[in-house]
């Protein structure tokens, strides 16, 4: 299986997707905090730079997450079928947290 991932390039696609996920995941909160801090007094060019870094990291994260999931589809399917109750519970928690965050923003406005 490892040889199939290398194809002609000599690179392991699964490892590449994992490393891209890791690096972009690390860049997202850092660039997000910098962007948030720049909103309070940074110049327009600095905010644009941080926004570009943040958006690029988010794009790389999203694309590499898709490829990571695609390369691990069999394991993900098996895991979801085995732990479907936990999945439903996690969706509920994430939905409640998202709703709370939206309500917080709407109440402040």
C-alpha atoms as a PDB file:
ATOM      1  CA  UNK A   1       0.000   0.000   0.000  1.00  0.00           C
ATOM      2  CA  UNK A   2       2.851   2.353   0.765  1.00  0.00           C
ATOM      3  CA  UNK A   3       4.197   1.912  -2.771  1.00  0.00           C
ATOM      4  CA  UNK A   4       0.824   2.866  -4.276  1.00  0.00           C
ATOM      5  CA  UNK A   5       0.889   6.226  -2.488  1.00  0.00           C
ATOM      6  CA  UNK A   6       4.268   7.170  -3.936  1.00  0.00           C
ATOM      7  CA  UNK A   7       3.314   6.864  -7.638  1.00  0.00           C
ATOM      8  CA  UNK A   8       5.903   8.525  -9.901  1.00  0.00           C
ATOM      9  CA  UNK A   9       6.877  11.436  -7.652  1.00  0.00           C
ATOM     10  CA  UNK A  10       8.458   9.441  -4.859  1.00  0.00           C
ATOM     11  CA  UNK A  11       6.285  11.329  -2.345  1.00  0.00           C
ATOM     12  CA  UNK A  12       3.850   9.667  -0.009  1.00  0.00           C
ATOM     13  CA  UNK A  13       0.498  11.407  -0.553  1.00  0.00           C
ATOM     14  CA  UNK A  14      -0.888  10.378   2.838  1.00  0.00           C
ATOM     15  CA  UNK A  15       2.106  11.829   4.650  1.00  0.00           C
ATOM     16  CA  UNK A  16       2.012  14.982   2.530  1.00  0.00           C
ATOM     17  CA  UNK A  17      -1.665  15.560   3.364  1.00  0.00           C
ATOM     18  CA  UNK A  18      -0.977  14.948   7.061  1.00  0.00           C
ATOM     19  CA  UNK A  19       1.941  17.380   7.160  1.00  0.00           C
ATOM     20  CA  UNK A  20      -0.022  20.040   5.274  1.00  0.00           C
ATOM     21  CA  UNK A  21      -2.861  19.610   7.755  1.00  0.00           C
ATOM     22  CA  UNK A  22      -0.470  19.969  10.683  1.00  0.00           C
ATOM     23  CA  UNK A  23       1.297  23.054   9.350  1.00  0.00           C
ATOM     24  CA  UNK A  24      -1.847  24.867   8.238  1.00  0.00           C
ATOM     25  CA  UNK A  25      -3.575  23.932  11.509  1.00  0.00           C
ATOM     26  CA  UNK A  26      -0.692  25.562  13.393  1.00  0.00           C
ATOM     27  CA  UNK A  27      -0.783  28.663  11.175  1.00  0.00           C
ATOM     28  CA  UNK A  28      -4.539  29.260  11.493  1.00  0.00           C
ATOM     29  CA  UNK A  29      -4.739  30.285  15.176  1.00  0.00           C
ATOM     30  CA  UNK A  30      -1.522  32.311  14.993  1.00  0.00           C
ATOM     31  CA  UNK A  31      -2.661  34.244  11.928  1.00  0.00           C
ATOM     32  CA  UNK A  32      -6.155  34.573  13.375  1.00  0.00           C
ATOM     33  CA  UNK A  33      -4.829  36.118  16.575  1.00  0.00           C
ATOM     34  CA  UNK A  34      -2.570  38.455  14.614  1.00  0.00           C
ATOM     35  CA  UNK A  35      -5.505  39.439  12.423  1.00  0.00           C
ATOM     36  CA  UNK A  36      -7.684  40.044  15.477  1.00  0.00           C
ATOM     37  CA  UNK A  37      -4.972  42.177  17.099  1.00  0.00           C
ATOM     38  CA  UNK A  38      -4.438  44.154  13.886  1.00  0.00           C
ATOM     39  CA  UNK A  39      -8.127  45.116  13.824  1.00  0.00           C
ATOM     40  CA  UNK A  40      -7.518  47.400  16.798  1.00  0.00           C
ATOM     41  CA  UNK A  41      -4.950  49.713  15.346  1.00  0.00           C
ATOM     42  CA  UNK A  42      -2.880  48.097  12.674  1.00  0.00           C
ATOM     43  CA  UNK A  43      -2.614  49.722   9.299  1.00  0.00           C
ATOM     44  CA  UNK A  44      -4.564  48.416   6.341  1.00  0.00           C
ATOM     45  CA  UNK A  45      -1.563  46.763   4.696  1.00  0.00           C
ATOM     46  CA  UNK A  46      -0.731  44.771   7.856  1.00  0.00           C
ATOM     47  CA  UNK A  47      -4.336  43.600   8.222  1.00  0.00           C
ATOM     48  CA  UNK A  48      -4.388  42.594   4.576  1.00  0.00           C
ATOM     49  CA  UNK A  49      -1.166  40.607   5.023  1.00  0.00           C
ATOM     50  CA  UNK A  50      -2.541  38.738   8.052  1.00  0.00           C
ATOM     51  CA  UNK A  51      -5.836  38.126   6.274  1.00  0.00           C
ATOM     52  CA  UNK A  52      -4.008  36.721   3.244  1.00  0.00           C
ATOM     53  CA  UNK A  53      -1.924  34.402   5.434  1.00  0.00           C
ATOM     54  CA  UNK A  54      -5.026  33.288   7.342  1.00  0.00           C
ATOM     55  CA  UNK A  55      -7.085  32.686   4.198  1.00  0.00           C
ATOM     56  CA  UNK A  56      -4.233  30.806   2.516  1.00  0.00           C
ATOM     57  CA  UNK A  57      -3.771  28.584   5.565  1.00  0.00           C
ATOM     58  CA  UNK A  58      -7.529  27.944   5.682  1.00  0.00           C
ATOM     59  CA  UNK A  59      -7.568  27.018   1.989  1.00  0.00           C
ATOM     60  CA  UNK A  60      -4.594  24.656   2.387  1.00  0.00           C
ATOM     61  CA  UNK A  61      -6.193  23.157   5.498  1.00  0.00           C
ATOM     62  CA  UNK A  62      -9.498  22.538   3.721  1.00  0.00           C
ATOM     63  CA  UNK A  63      -7.952  20.968   0.625  1.00  0.00           C
ATOM     64  CA  UNK A  64      -5.530  18.799   2.596  1.00  0.00           C
ATOM     65  CA  UNK A  65      -8.347  17.709   4.956  1.00  0.00           C
ATOM     66  CA  UNK A  66     -10.308  16.550   1.915  1.00  0.00           C
ATOM     67  CA  UNK A  67      -7.335  14.552   0.594  1.00  0.00           C
ATOM     68  CA  UNK A  68      -6.583  13.179   4.056  1.00  0.00           C
ATOM     69  CA  UNK A  69     -10.180  11.990   4.401  1.00  0.00           C
ATOM     70  CA  UNK A  70     -10.155  10.574   0.859  1.00  0.00           C
ATOM     71  CA  UNK A  71      -6.971   8.612   1.550  1.00  0.00           C
ATOM     72  CA  UNK A  72      -8.440   7.229   4.785  1.00  0.00           C
ATOM     73  CA  UNK A  73     -12.037   6.703   3.654  1.00  0.00           C
ATOM     74  CA  UNK A  74     -12.186   3.018   4.556  1.00  0.00           C
ATOM     75  CA  UNK A  75     -10.965   3.622   8.113  1.00  0.00           C
ATOM     76  CA  UNK A  76     -13.240   6.662   8.560  1.00  0.00           C
ATOM     77  CA  UNK A  77     -16.305   4.725   7.352  1.00  0.00           C
ATOM     78  CA  UNK A  78     -15.540   1.858   9.723  1.00  0.00           C
ATOM     79  CA  UNK A  79     -14.972   4.248  12.624  1.00  0.00           C
ATOM     80  CA  UNK A  80     -18.213   6.147  12.010  1.00  0.00           C
ATOM     81  CA  UNK A  81     -20.256   2.953  11.794  1.00  0.00           C
ATOM     82  CA  UNK A  82     -18.737   1.702  15.026  1.00  0.00           C
ATOM     83  CA  UNK A  83     -19.094   4.965  16.980  1.00  0.00           C
ATOM     84  CA  UNK A  84     -22.233   6.513  15.476  1.00  0.00           C
ATOM     85  CA  UNK A  85     -23.674   7.425  18.921  1.00  0.00           C
ATOM     86  CA  UNK A  86     -20.579   9.453  19.751  1.00  0.00           C
ATOM     87  CA  UNK A  87     -20.843  11.132  16.348  1.00  0.00           C
ATOM     88  CA  UNK A  88     -24.420  12.223  17.031  1.00  0.00           C
ATOM     89  CA  UNK A  89     -23.437  13.485  20.484  1.00  0.00           C
ATOM     90  CA  UNK A  90     -20.432  15.393  19.039  1.00  0.00           C
ATOM     91  CA  UNK A  91     -22.653  16.993  16.392  1.00  0.00           C
ATOM     92  CA  UNK A  92     -25.005  18.099  19.179  1.00  0.00           C
ATOM     93  CA  UNK A  93     -22.173  19.624  21.216  1.00  0.00           C
ATOM     94  CA  UNK A  94     -20.697  21.402  18.174  1.00  0.00           C
ATOM     95  CA  UNK A  95     -24.141  22.709  17.175  1.00  0.00           C
ATOM     96  CA  UNK A  96     -24.840  23.989  20.690  1.00  0.00           C
ATOM     97  CA  UNK A  97     -21.438  25.693  20.851  1.00  0.00           C
ATOM     98  CA  UNK A  98     -21.988  27.291  17.454  1.00  0.00           C
ATOM     99  CA  UNK A  99     -25.468  28.472  18.428  1.00  0.00           C
ATOM    100  CA  UNK A 100     -24.129  29.922  21.684  1.00  0.00           C
ATOM    101  CA  UNK A 101     -21.383  31.783  19.812  1.00  0.00           C
ATOM    102  CA  UNK A 102     -23.903  33.208  17.342  1.00  0.00           C
ATOM    103  CA  UNK A 103     -26.226  34.278  20.132  1.00  0.00           C
ATOM    104  CA  UNK A 104     -23.304  35.936  21.915  1.00  0.00           C
ATOM    105  CA  UNK A 105     -22.460  37.933  18.804  1.00  0.00           C
ATOM    106  CA  UNK A 106     -26.092  38.850  18.114  1.00  0.00           C
ATOM    107  CA  UNK A 107     -26.683  39.928  21.731  1.00  0.00           C
ATOM    108  CA  UNK A 108     -23.586  42.161  21.660  1.00  0.00           C
ATOM    109  CA  UNK A 109     -24.714  43.871  18.460  1.00  0.00           C
END
